[in-house]
Amino acid sequence: MPAPSERELSAEDRQRLDDAYRRLRTAVAAYEPYLARDQFVAQGRAAVPLDELARAQAEVEAAEDELWRLREELLGWVRPPWAPGAGLVADWFSDEDAAYDELPAS
């Protein structure tokens, strides 16, 4: 039996997924400023406090884990072992990629 699409989910389950996507987008946006900190250090500027960086990374990982847990629970999607973590992909939620969200399953 094929996995259901997001369109086939109940409104409540779609909202759960939307909330998880939003949480991950927010976490990645909050983490992105820390990605260029090496450049700041090279320029003689203060480095970001490690506790701030650790909290931002932990939130990205927790949000991503929750999204994949919901994807598996609701859609039967299992995260590929080769997929990079969201903390490693700065353009994870590019607006240009939105067109791929509703492509029919192959």
PDB file of N, CA and C in Angstrom:
ATOM      1  N   MET A   1       0.844  -1.174   0.000  1.00  0.00           N
ATOM      2  CA  MET A   1       0.000   0.000   0.000  1.00  0.00           C
ATOM      3  C   MET A   1       0.890   1.237   0.000  1.00  0.00           C
ATOM      4  N   PRO A   2       0.646   2.166  -0.924  1.00  0.00           N
ATOM      5  CA  PRO A   2       1.491   3.365  -0.978  1.00  0.00           C
ATOM      6  C   PRO A   2       1.276   4.260   0.236  1.00  0.00           C
ATOM      7  N   ALA A   3       2.318   5.005   0.551  1.00  0.00           N
ATOM      8  CA  ALA A   3       2.239   5.944   1.673  1.00  0.00           C
ATOM      9  C   ALA A   3       1.251   7.051   1.324  1.00  0.00           C
ATOM     10  N   PRO A   4       0.504   7.529   2.316  1.00  0.00           N
ATOM     11  CA  PRO A   4      -0.437   8.619   2.042  1.00  0.00           C
ATOM     12  C   PRO A   4       0.317   9.912   1.718  1.00  0.00           C
ATOM     13  N   SER A   5      -0.337  10.788   0.993  1.00  0.00           N
ATOM     14  CA  SER A   5       0.247  12.100   0.745  1.00  0.00           C
ATOM     15  C   SER A   5      -0.231  13.044   1.839  1.00  0.00           C
ATOM     16  N   GLU A   6       0.400  14.185   1.933  1.00  0.00           N
ATOM     17  CA  GLU A   6      -0.012  15.161   2.934  1.00  0.00           C
ATOM     18  C   GLU A   6      -1.451  15.607   2.708  1.00  0.00           C
ATOM     19  N   ARG A   7      -1.894  15.638   1.457  1.00  0.00           N
ATOM     20  CA  ARG A   7      -3.273  16.048   1.145  1.00  0.00           C
ATOM     21  C   ARG A   7      -4.304  15.077   1.716  1.00  0.00           C
ATOM     22  N   GLU A   8      -3.916  13.852   1.920  1.00  0.00           N
ATOM     23  CA  GLU A   8      -4.836  12.837   2.438  1.00  0.00           C
ATOM     24  C   GLU A   8      -4.937  12.834   3.961  1.00  0.00           C
ATOM     25  N   LEU A   9      -4.101  13.596   4.628  1.00  0.00           N
ATOM     26  CA  LEU A   9      -4.123  13.628   6.088  1.00  0.00           C
ATOM     27  C   LEU A   9      -5.305  14.454   6.594  1.00  0.00           C
ATOM     28  N   SER A  10      -5.680  14.200   7.817  1.00  0.00           N
ATOM     29  CA  SER A  10      -6.722  15.015   8.444  1.00  0.00           C
ATOM     30  C   SER A  10      -6.182  16.432   8.638  1.00  0.00           C
ATOM     31  N   ALA A  11      -7.087  17.370   8.829  1.00  0.00           N
ATOM     32  CA  ALA A  11      -6.669  18.760   9.057  1.00  0.00           C
ATOM     33  C   ALA A  11      -5.768  18.858  10.284  1.00  0.00           C
ATOM     34  N   GLU A  12      -6.080  18.085  11.315  1.00  0.00           N
ATOM     35  CA  GLU A  12      -5.269  18.101  12.543  1.00  0.00           C
ATOM     36  C   GLU A  12      -3.854  17.592  12.273  1.00  0.00           C
ATOM     37  N   ASP A  13      -3.746  16.496  11.519  1.00  0.00           N
ATOM     38  CA  ASP A  13      -2.416  15.953  11.224  1.00  0.00           C
ATOM     39  C   ASP A  13      -1.634  16.870  10.290  1.00  0.00           C
ATOM     40  N   ARG A  14      -2.311  17.486   9.318  1.00  0.00           N
ATOM     41  CA  ARG A  14      -1.618  18.455   8.459  1.00  0.00           C
ATOM     42  C   ARG A  14      -1.098  19.619   9.293  1.00  0.00           C
ATOM     43  N   GLN A  15      -1.891  20.053  10.276  1.00  0.00           N
ATOM     44  CA  GLN A  15      -1.451  21.143  11.147  1.00  0.00           C
ATOM     45  C   GLN A  15      -0.241  20.729  11.966  1.00  0.00           C
ATOM     46  N   ARG A  16      -0.223  19.487  12.436  1.00  0.00           N
ATOM     47  CA  ARG A  16       0.943  18.994  13.187  1.00  0.00           C
ATOM     48  C   ARG A  16       2.199  19.053  12.319  1.00  0.00           C
ATOM     49  N   LEU A  17       2.075  18.626  11.059  1.00  0.00           N
ATOM     50  CA  LEU A  17       3.220  18.692  10.149  1.00  0.00           C
ATOM     51  C   LEU A  17       3.607  20.136   9.865  1.00  0.00           C
ATOM     52  N   ASP A  18       2.631  20.988   9.617  1.00  0.00           N
ATOM     53  CA  ASP A  18       2.921  22.410   9.370  1.00  0.00           C
ATOM     54  C   ASP A  18       3.665  23.021  10.553  1.00  0.00           C
ATOM     55  N   ASP A  19       3.213  22.698  11.761  1.00  0.00           N
ATOM     56  CA  ASP A  19       3.876  23.216  12.963  1.00  0.00           C
ATOM     57  C   ASP A  19       5.320  22.724  13.052  1.00  0.00           C
ATOM     58  N   ALA A  20       5.537  21.456  12.707  1.00  0.00           N
ATOM     59  CA  ALA A  20       6.893  20.894  12.745  1.00  0.00           C
ATOM     60  C   ALA A  20       7.780  21.557  11.689  1.00  0.00           C
ATOM     61  N   TYR A  21       7.242  21.765  10.482  1.00  0.00           N
ATOM     62  CA  TYR A  21       7.997  22.462   9.441  1.00  0.00           C
ATOM     63  C   TYR A  21       8.355  23.875   9.908  1.00  0.00           C
ATOM     64  N   ARG A  22       7.390  24.565  10.478  1.00  0.00           N
ATOM     65  CA  ARG A  22       7.605  25.937  10.945  1.00  0.00           C
ATOM     66  C   ARG A  22       8.673  25.972  12.037  1.00  0.00           C
ATOM     67  N   ARG A  23       8.599  25.020  12.956  1.00  0.00           N
ATOM     68  CA  ARG A  23       9.599  24.979  14.030  1.00  0.00           C
ATOM     69  C   ARG A  23      11.002  24.794  13.458  1.00  0.00           C
ATOM     70  N   LEU A  24      11.130  23.902  12.465  1.00  0.00           N
ATOM     71  CA  LEU A  24      12.443  23.672  11.876  1.00  0.00           C
ATOM     72  C   LEU A  24      12.914  24.897  11.102  1.00  0.00           C
ATOM     73  N   ARG A  25      12.027  25.533  10.331  1.00  0.00           N
ATOM     74  CA  ARG A  25      12.415  26.740   9.610  1.00  0.00           C
ATOM     75  C   ARG A  25      12.915  27.825  10.579  1.00  0.00           C
ATOM     76  N   THR A  26      12.184  27.984  11.677  1.00  0.00           N
ATOM     77  CA  THR A  26      12.544  28.982  12.680  1.00  0.00           C
ATOM     78  C   THR A  26      13.891  28.654  13.311  1.00  0.00           C
ATOM     79  N   ALA A  27      14.101  27.378  13.632  1.00  0.00           N
ATOM     80  CA  ALA A  27      15.361  26.956  14.246  1.00  0.00           C
ATOM     81  C   ALA A  27      16.534  27.169  13.297  1.00  0.00           C
ATOM     82  N   VAL A  28      16.344  26.833  12.023  1.00  0.00           N
ATOM     83  CA  VAL A  28      17.419  27.013  11.047  1.00  0.00           C
ATOM     84  C   VAL A  28      17.713  28.502  10.865  1.00  0.00           C
ATOM     85  N   ALA A  29      16.676  29.319  10.800  1.00  0.00           N
ATOM     86  CA  ALA A  29      16.878  30.771  10.652  1.00  0.00           C
ATOM     87  C   ALA A  29      17.640  31.334  11.854  1.00  0.00           C
ATOM     88  N   ALA A  30      17.345  30.835  13.038  1.00  0.00           N
ATOM     89  CA  ALA A  30      18.040  31.307  14.242  1.00  0.00           C
ATOM     90  C   ALA A  30      19.481  30.814  14.280  1.00  0.00           C
ATOM     91  N   TYR A  31      19.761  29.685  13.646  1.00  0.00           N
ATOM     92  CA  TYR A  31      21.095  29.095  13.639  1.00  0.00           C
ATOM     93  C   TYR A  31      22.001  29.719  12.568  1.00  0.00           C
ATOM     94  N   GLU A  32      21.425  30.155  11.460  1.00  0.00           N
ATOM     95  CA  GLU A  32      22.221  30.637  10.335  1.00  0.00           C
ATOM     96  C   GLU A  32      23.229  31.731  10.681  1.00  0.00           C
ATOM     97  N   PRO A  33      22.897  32.695  11.553  1.00  0.00           N
ATOM     98  CA  PRO A  33      23.908  33.724  11.864  1.00  0.00           C
ATOM     99  C   PRO A  33      25.202  33.155  12.447  1.00  0.00           C
ATOM    100  N   TYR A  34      25.138  31.988  13.048  1.00  0.00           N
ATOM    101  CA  TYR A  34      26.328  31.396  13.653  1.00  0.00           C
ATOM    102  C   TYR A  34      27.224  30.710  12.623  1.00  0.00           C
ATOM    103  N   LEU A  35      26.724  30.486  11.425  1.00  0.00           N
ATOM    104  CA  LEU A  35      27.486  29.749  10.421  1.00  0.00           C
ATOM    105  C   LEU A  35      28.691  30.527   9.906  1.00  0.00           C
ATOM    106  N   ALA A  36      28.662  31.826   9.960  1.00  0.00           N
ATOM    107  CA  ALA A  36      29.760  32.639   9.434  1.00  0.00           C
ATOM    108  C   ALA A  36      30.680  33.148  10.541  1.00  0.00           C
ATOM    109  N   ARG A  37      30.588  32.593  11.731  1.00  0.00           N
ATOM    110  CA  ARG A  37      31.373  33.110  12.853  1.00  0.00           C
ATOM    111  C   ARG A  37      32.875  32.961  12.644  1.00  0.00           C
ATOM    112  N   ASP A  38      33.313  31.942  11.914  1.00  0.00           N
ATOM    113  CA  ASP A  38      34.753  31.801  11.651  1.00  0.00           C
ATOM    114  C   ASP A  38      35.292  33.033  10.926  1.00  0.00           C
ATOM    115  N   GLN A  39      34.483  33.588  10.042  1.00  0.00           N
ATOM    116  CA  GLN A  39      34.906  34.797   9.330  1.00  0.00           C
ATOM    117  C   GLN A  39      35.056  35.966  10.296  1.00  0.00           C
ATOM    118  N   PHE A  40      34.168  36.053  11.281  1.00  0.00           N
ATOM    119  CA  PHE A  40      34.269  37.128  12.258  1.00  0.00           C
ATOM    120  C   PHE A  40      35.538  36.998  13.090  1.00  0.00           C
ATOM    121  N   VAL A  41      35.862  35.782  13.480  1.00  0.00           N
ATOM    122  CA  VAL A  41      37.067  35.554  14.273  1.00  0.00           C
ATOM    123  C   VAL A  41      38.302  35.915  13.444  1.00  0.00           C
ATOM    124  N   ALA A  42      38.315  35.525  12.176  1.00  0.00           N
ATOM    125  CA  ALA A  42      39.444  35.832  11.310  1.00  0.00           C
ATOM    126  C   ALA A  42      39.636  37.344  11.159  1.00  0.00           C
ATOM    127  N   GLN A  43      38.553  38.085  11.284  1.00  0.00           N
ATOM    128  CA  GLN A  43      38.614  39.546  11.172  1.00  0.00           C
ATOM    129  C   GLN A  43      38.905  40.213  12.519  1.00  0.00           C
ATOM    130  N   GLY A  44      39.143  39.419  13.556  1.00  0.00           N
ATOM    131  CA  GLY A  44      39.458  39.967  14.865  1.00  0.00           C
ATOM    132  C   GLY A  44      38.240  40.317  15.694  1.00  0.00           C
ATOM    133  N   ARG A  45      37.078  39.897  15.278  1.00  0.00           N
ATOM    134  CA  ARG A  45      35.857  40.155  16.050  1.00  0.00           C
ATOM    135  C   ARG A  45      35.644  39.035  17.065  1.00  0.00           C
ATOM    136  N   ALA A  46      34.839  39.310  18.038  1.00  0.00           N
ATOM    137  CA  ALA A  46      34.565  38.317  19.078  1.00  0.00           C
ATOM    138  C   ALA A  46      33.829  37.105  18.487  1.00  0.00           C
ATOM    139  N   ALA A  47      34.173  35.944  18.965  1.00  0.00           N
ATOM    140  CA  ALA A  47      33.492  34.717  18.547  1.00  0.00           C
ATOM    141  C   ALA A  47      32.160  34.614  19.284  1.00  0.00           C
ATOM    142  N   VAL A  48      31.263  33.866  18.702  1.00  0.00           N
ATOM    143  CA  VAL A  48      29.967  33.654  19.340  1.00  0.00           C
ATOM    144  C   VAL A  48      30.157  32.808  20.594  1.00  0.00           C
ATOM    145  N   PRO A  49      29.425  33.097  21.653  1.00  0.00           N
ATOM    146  CA  PRO A  49      29.511  32.245  22.845  1.00  0.00           C
ATOM    147  C   PRO A  49      29.087  30.809  22.521  1.00  0.00           C
ATOM    148  N   LEU A  50      29.886  29.869  22.958  1.00  0.00           N
ATOM    149  CA  LEU A  50      29.618  28.470  22.630  1.00  0.00           C
ATOM    150  C   LEU A  50      28.281  27.978  23.157  1.00  0.00           C
ATOM    151  N   ASP A  51      27.832  28.494  24.300  1.00  0.00           N
ATOM    152  CA  ASP A  51      26.545  28.041  24.823  1.00  0.00           C
ATOM    153  C   ASP A  51      25.397  28.478  23.911  1.00  0.00           C
ATOM    154  N   GLU A  52      25.500  29.660  23.295  1.00  0.00           N
ATOM    155  CA  GLU A  52      24.483  30.100  22.344  1.00  0.00           C
ATOM    156  C   GLU A  52      24.484  29.205  21.105  1.00  0.00           C
ATOM    157  N   LEU A  53      25.662  28.926  20.600  1.00  0.00           N
ATOM    158  CA  LEU A  53      25.795  28.070  19.430  1.00  0.00           C
ATOM    159  C   LEU A  53      25.244  26.680  19.723  1.00  0.00           C
ATOM    160  N   ALA A  54      25.578  26.140  20.879  1.00  0.00           N
ATOM    161  CA  ALA A  54      25.100  24.801  21.252  1.00  0.00           C
ATOM    162  C   ALA A  54      23.580  24.765  21.358  1.00  0.00           C
ATOM    163  N   ARG A  55      22.986  25.803  21.947  1.00  0.00           N
ATOM    164  CA  ARG A  55      21.520  25.854  22.054  1.00  0.00           C
ATOM    165  C   ARG A  55      20.877  25.923  20.677  1.00  0.00           C
ATOM    166  N   ALA A  56      21.449  26.731  19.786  1.00  0.00           N
ATOM    167  CA  ALA A  56      20.898  26.854  18.432  1.00  0.00           C
ATOM    168  C   ALA A  56      21.004  25.527  17.687  1.00  0.00           C
ATOM    169  N   GLN A  57      22.129  24.865  17.789  1.00  0.00           N
ATOM    170  CA  GLN A  57      22.294  23.561  17.135  1.00  0.00           C
ATOM    171  C   GLN A  57      21.337  22.529  17.715  1.00  0.00           C
ATOM    172  N   ALA A  58      21.199  22.518  19.029  1.00  0.00           N
ATOM    173  CA  ALA A  58      20.303  21.556  19.679  1.00  0.00           C
ATOM    174  C   ALA A  58      18.862  21.763  19.237  1.00  0.00           C
ATOM    175  N   GLU A  59      18.439  23.008  19.073  1.00  0.00           N
ATOM    176  CA  GLU A  59      17.070  23.279  18.632  1.00  0.00           C
ATOM    177  C   GLU A  59      16.859  22.820  17.199  1.00  0.00           C
ATOM    178  N   VAL A  60      17.840  23.030  16.328  1.00  0.00           N
ATOM    179  CA  VAL A  60      17.738  22.544  14.946  1.00  0.00           C
ATOM    180  C   VAL A  60      17.598  21.023  14.956  1.00  0.00           C
ATOM    181  N   GLU A  61      18.441  20.351  15.721  1.00  0.00           N
ATOM    182  CA  GLU A  61      18.398  18.884  15.770  1.00  0.00           C
ATOM    183  C   GLU A  61      17.086  18.384  16.346  1.00  0.00           C
ATOM    184  N   ALA A  62      16.592  19.006  17.419  1.00  0.00           N
ATOM    185  CA  ALA A  62      15.327  18.578  18.029  1.00  0.00           C
ATOM    186  C   ALA A  62      14.160  18.817  17.081  1.00  0.00           C
ATOM    187  N   ALA A  63      14.151  19.960  16.407  1.00  0.00           N
ATOM    188  CA  ALA A  63      13.067  20.265  15.467  1.00  0.00           C
ATOM    189  C   ALA A  63      13.093  19.299  14.289  1.00  0.00           C
ATOM    190  N   GLU A  64      14.278  18.997  13.807  1.00  0.00           N
ATOM    191  CA  GLU A  64      14.405  18.068  12.685  1.00  0.00           C
ATOM    192  C   GLU A  64      13.981  16.660  13.095  1.00  0.00           C
ATOM    193  N   ASP A  65      14.386  16.233  14.280  1.00  0.00           N
ATOM    194  CA  ASP A  65      13.985  14.914  14.778  1.00  0.00           C
ATOM    195  C   ASP A  65      12.464  14.810  14.881  1.00  0.00           C
ATOM    196  N   GLU A  66      11.828  15.867  15.386  1.00  0.00           N
ATOM    197  CA  GLU A  66      10.373  15.877  15.516  1.00  0.00           C
ATOM    198  C   GLU A  66       9.696  15.825  14.148  1.00  0.00           C
ATOM    199  N   LEU A  67      10.217  16.570  13.184  1.00  0.00           N
ATOM    200  CA  LEU A  67       9.641  16.540  11.839  1.00  0.00           C
ATOM    201  C   LEU A  67       9.735  15.138  11.244  1.00  0.00           C
ATOM    202  N   TRP A  68      10.887  14.514  11.349  1.00  0.00           N
ATOM    203  CA  TRP A  68      11.041  13.166  10.794  1.00  0.00           C
ATOM    204  C   TRP A  68      10.197  12.153  11.561  1.00  0.00           C
ATOM    205  N   ARG A  69      10.040  12.333  12.865  1.00  0.00           N
ATOM    206  CA  ARG A  69       9.173  11.431  13.631  1.00  0.00           C
ATOM    207  C   ARG A  69       7.739  11.535  13.118  1.00  0.00           C
ATOM    208  N   LEU A  70       7.270  12.744  12.898  1.00  0.00           N
ATOM    209  CA  LEU A  70       5.913  12.932  12.381  1.00  0.00           C
ATOM    210  C   LEU A  70       5.775  12.414  10.955  1.00  0.00           C
ATOM    211  N   ARG A  71       6.784  12.647  10.139  1.00  0.00           N
ATOM    212  CA  ARG A  71       6.729  12.121   8.765  1.00  0.00           C
ATOM    213  C   ARG A  71       6.600  10.598   8.771  1.00  0.00           C
ATOM    214  N   GLU A  72       7.341   9.956   9.655  1.00  0.00           N
ATOM    215  CA  GLU A  72       7.257   8.496   9.717  1.00  0.00           C
ATOM    216  C   GLU A  72       5.894   8.058  10.262  1.00  0.00           C
ATOM    217  N   GLU A  73       5.448   8.702  11.325  1.00  0.00           N
ATOM    218  CA  GLU A  73       4.159   8.354  11.939  1.00  0.00           C
ATOM    219  C   GLU A  73       2.989   8.574  10.980  1.00  0.00           C
ATOM    220  N   LEU A  74       2.964   9.722  10.318  1.00  0.00           N
ATOM    221  CA  LEU A  74       1.802  10.095   9.518  1.00  0.00           C
ATOM    222  C   LEU A  74       1.877   9.670   8.059  1.00  0.00           C
ATOM    223  N   LEU A  75       3.083   9.622   7.501  1.00  0.00           N
ATOM    224  CA  LEU A  75       3.236   9.370   6.074  1.00  0.00           C
ATOM    225  C   LEU A  75       4.004   8.093   5.747  1.00  0.00           C
ATOM    226  N   GLY A  76       4.605   7.484   6.770  1.00  0.00           N
ATOM    227  CA  GLY A  76       5.390   6.287   6.524  1.00  0.00           C
ATOM    228  C   GLY A  76       6.750   6.576   5.921  1.00  0.00           C
ATOM    229  N   TRP A  77       7.190   7.830   5.956  1.00  0.00           N
ATOM    230  CA  TRP A  77       8.484   8.210   5.401  1.00  0.00           C
ATOM    231  C   TRP A  77       9.569   7.978   6.439  1.00  0.00           C
ATOM    232  N   VAL A  78      10.599   7.281   6.035  1.00  0.00           N
ATOM    233  CA  VAL A  78      11.751   7.057   6.911  1.00  0.00           C
ATOM    234  C   VAL A  78      12.892   7.916   6.398  1.00  0.00           C
ATOM    235  N   ARG A  79      13.549   8.577   7.311  1.00  0.00           N
ATOM    236  CA  ARG A  79      14.659   9.445   6.915  1.00  0.00           C
ATOM    237  C   ARG A  79      15.789   8.626   6.301  1.00  0.00           C
ATOM    238  N   PRO A  80      16.238   9.008   5.102  1.00  0.00           N
ATOM    239  CA  PRO A  80      17.355   8.286   4.489  1.00  0.00           C
ATOM    240  C   PRO A  80      18.622   8.473   5.323  1.00  0.00           C
ATOM    241  N   PRO A  81      19.396   7.426   5.502  1.00  0.00           N
ATOM    242  CA  PRO A  81      20.605   7.545   6.321  1.00  0.00           C
ATOM    243  C   PRO A  81      21.637   8.499   5.726  1.00  0.00           C
ATOM    244  N   TRP A  82      21.571   8.745   4.424  1.00  0.00           N
ATOM    245  CA  TRP A  82      22.545   9.614   3.770  1.00  0.00           C
ATOM    246  C   TRP A  82      22.135  11.089   3.800  1.00  0.00           C
ATOM    247  N   ALA A  83      20.926  11.394   4.251  1.00  0.00           N
ATOM    248  CA  ALA A  83      20.441  12.778   4.240  1.00  0.00           C
ATOM    249  C   ALA A  83      21.207  13.630   5.250  1.00  0.00           C
ATOM    250  N   PRO A  84      21.727  14.783   4.819  1.00  0.00           N
ATOM    251  CA  PRO A  84      22.444  15.646   5.762  1.00  0.00           C
ATOM    252  C   PRO A  84      21.486  16.279   6.758  1.00  0.00           C
ATOM    253  N   GLY A  85      21.973  16.597   7.925  1.00  0.00           N
ATOM    254  CA  GLY A  85      21.155  17.274   8.921  1.00  0.00           C
ATOM    255  C   GLY A  85      20.874  18.704   8.512  1.00  0.00           C
ATOM    256  N   ALA A  86      19.776  19.248   9.004  1.00  0.00           N
ATOM    257  CA  ALA A  86      19.381  20.613   8.659  1.00  0.00           C
ATOM    258  C   ALA A  86      20.429  21.631   9.092  1.00  0.00           C
ATOM    259  N   GLY A  87      21.151  21.350  10.154  1.00  0.00           N
ATOM    260  CA  GLY A  87      22.195  22.257  10.612  1.00  0.00           C
ATOM    261  C   GLY A  87      23.358  22.365   9.655  1.00  0.00           C
ATOM    262  N   LEU A  88      23.465  21.427   8.736  1.00  0.00           N
ATOM    263  CA  LEU A  88      24.549  21.435   7.757  1.00  0.00           C
ATOM    264  C   LEU A  88      24.126  22.038   6.432  1.00  0.00           C
ATOM    265  N   VAL A  89      22.834  22.302   6.276  1.00  0.00           N
ATOM    266  CA  VAL A  89      22.296  22.767   5.004  1.00  0.00           C
ATOM    267  C   VAL A  89      21.684  24.145   5.203  1.00  0.00           C
ATOM    268  N   ALA A  90      22.412  25.179   4.832  1.00  0.00           N
ATOM    269  CA  ALA A  90      21.959  26.547   5.091  1.00  0.00           C
ATOM    270  C   ALA A  90      20.725  26.927   4.283  1.00  0.00           C
ATOM    271  N   ASP A  91      20.551  26.351   3.096  1.00  0.00           N
ATOM    272  CA  ASP A  91      19.399  26.724   2.273  1.00  0.00           C
ATOM    273  C   ASP A  91      18.328  25.631   2.272  1.00  0.00           C
ATOM    274  N   TRP A  92      18.162  24.985   3.404  1.00  0.00           N
ATOM    275  CA  TRP A  92      17.228  23.870   3.548  1.00  0.00           C
ATOM    276  C   TRP A  92      15.822  24.228   3.088  1.00  0.00           C
ATOM    277  N   PHE A  93      15.390  25.444   3.345  1.00  0.00           N
ATOM    278  CA  PHE A  93      14.031  25.847   3.024  1.00  0.00           C
ATOM    279  C   PHE A  93      14.008  26.966   2.002  1.00  0.00           C
ATOM    280  N   SER A  94      14.690  26.758   0.906  1.00  0.00           N
ATOM    281  CA  SER A  94      14.717  27.748  -0.152  1.00  0.00           C
ATOM    282  C   SER A  94      13.324  27.930  -0.739  1.00  0.00           C
ATOM    283  N   ASP A  95      12.911  29.174  -0.935  1.00  0.00           N
ATOM    284  CA  ASP A  95      11.610  29.451  -1.538  1.00  0.00           C
ATOM    285  C   ASP A  95      11.505  28.863  -2.940  1.00  0.00           C
ATOM    286  N   GLU A  96      12.626  28.766  -3.644  1.00  0.00           N
ATOM    287  CA  GLU A  96      12.614  28.213  -4.997  1.00  0.00           C
ATOM    288  C   GLU A  96      12.244  26.731  -4.999  1.00  0.00           C
ATOM    289  N   ASP A  97      12.434  26.045  -3.871  1.00  0.00           N
ATOM    290  CA  ASP A  97      12.137  24.619  -3.800  1.00  0.00           C
ATOM    291  C   ASP A  97      10.675  24.323  -3.495  1.00  0.00           C
ATOM    292  N   ALA A  98       9.882  25.332  -3.207  1.00  0.00           N
ATOM    293  CA  ALA A  98       8.482  25.118  -2.846  1.00  0.00           C
ATOM    294  C   ALA A  98       7.722  24.392  -3.943  1.00  0.00           C
ATOM    295  N   ALA A  99       8.113  24.569  -5.194  1.00  0.00           N
ATOM    296  CA  ALA A  99       7.419  23.897  -6.296  1.00  0.00           C
ATOM    297  C   ALA A  99       7.516  22.381  -6.186  1.00  0.00           C
ATOM    298  N   TYR A 100       8.536  21.869  -5.529  1.00  0.00           N
ATOM    299  CA  TYR A 100       8.707  20.424  -5.402  1.00  0.00           C
ATOM    300  C   TYR A 100       7.806  19.821  -4.324  1.00  0.00           C
ATOM    301  N   ASP A 101       7.244  20.636  -3.463  1.00  0.00           N
ATOM    302  CA  ASP A 101       6.455  20.131  -2.352  1.00  0.00           C
ATOM    303  C   ASP A 101       5.210  19.377  -2.797  1.00  0.00           C
ATOM    304  N   GLU A 102       4.631  19.745  -3.926  1.00  0.00           N
ATOM    305  CA  GLU A 102       3.375  19.149  -4.363  1.00  0.00           C
ATOM    306  C   GLU A 102       3.512  18.293  -5.614  1.00  0.00           C
ATOM    307  N   LEU A 103       4.724  17.890  -5.962  1.00  0.00           N
ATOM    308  CA  LEU A 103       4.889  17.020  -7.121  1.00  0.00           C
ATOM    309  C   LEU A 103       4.245  15.667  -6.845  1.00  0.00           C
ATOM    310  N   PRO A 104       3.645  15.061  -7.873  1.00  0.00           N
ATOM    311  CA  PRO A 104       3.058  13.740  -7.673  1.00  0.00           C
ATOM    312  C   PRO A 104       4.132  12.702  -7.378  1.00  0.00           C
ATOM    313  N   ALA A 105       3.758  11.715  -6.586  1.00  0.00           N
ATOM    314  CA  ALA A 105       4.705  10.648  -6.255  1.00  0.00           C
ATOM    315  C   ALA A 105       5.029   9.857  -7.514  1.00  0.00           C
ATOM    316  N   SER A 106       6.248   9.388  -7.600  1.00  0.00           N
ATOM    317  CA  SER A 106       6.631   8.616  -8.788  1.00  0.00           C
ATOM    318  C   SER A 106       6.420   7.143  -8.570  1.00  0.00           C
TER     319      SER A 106
END
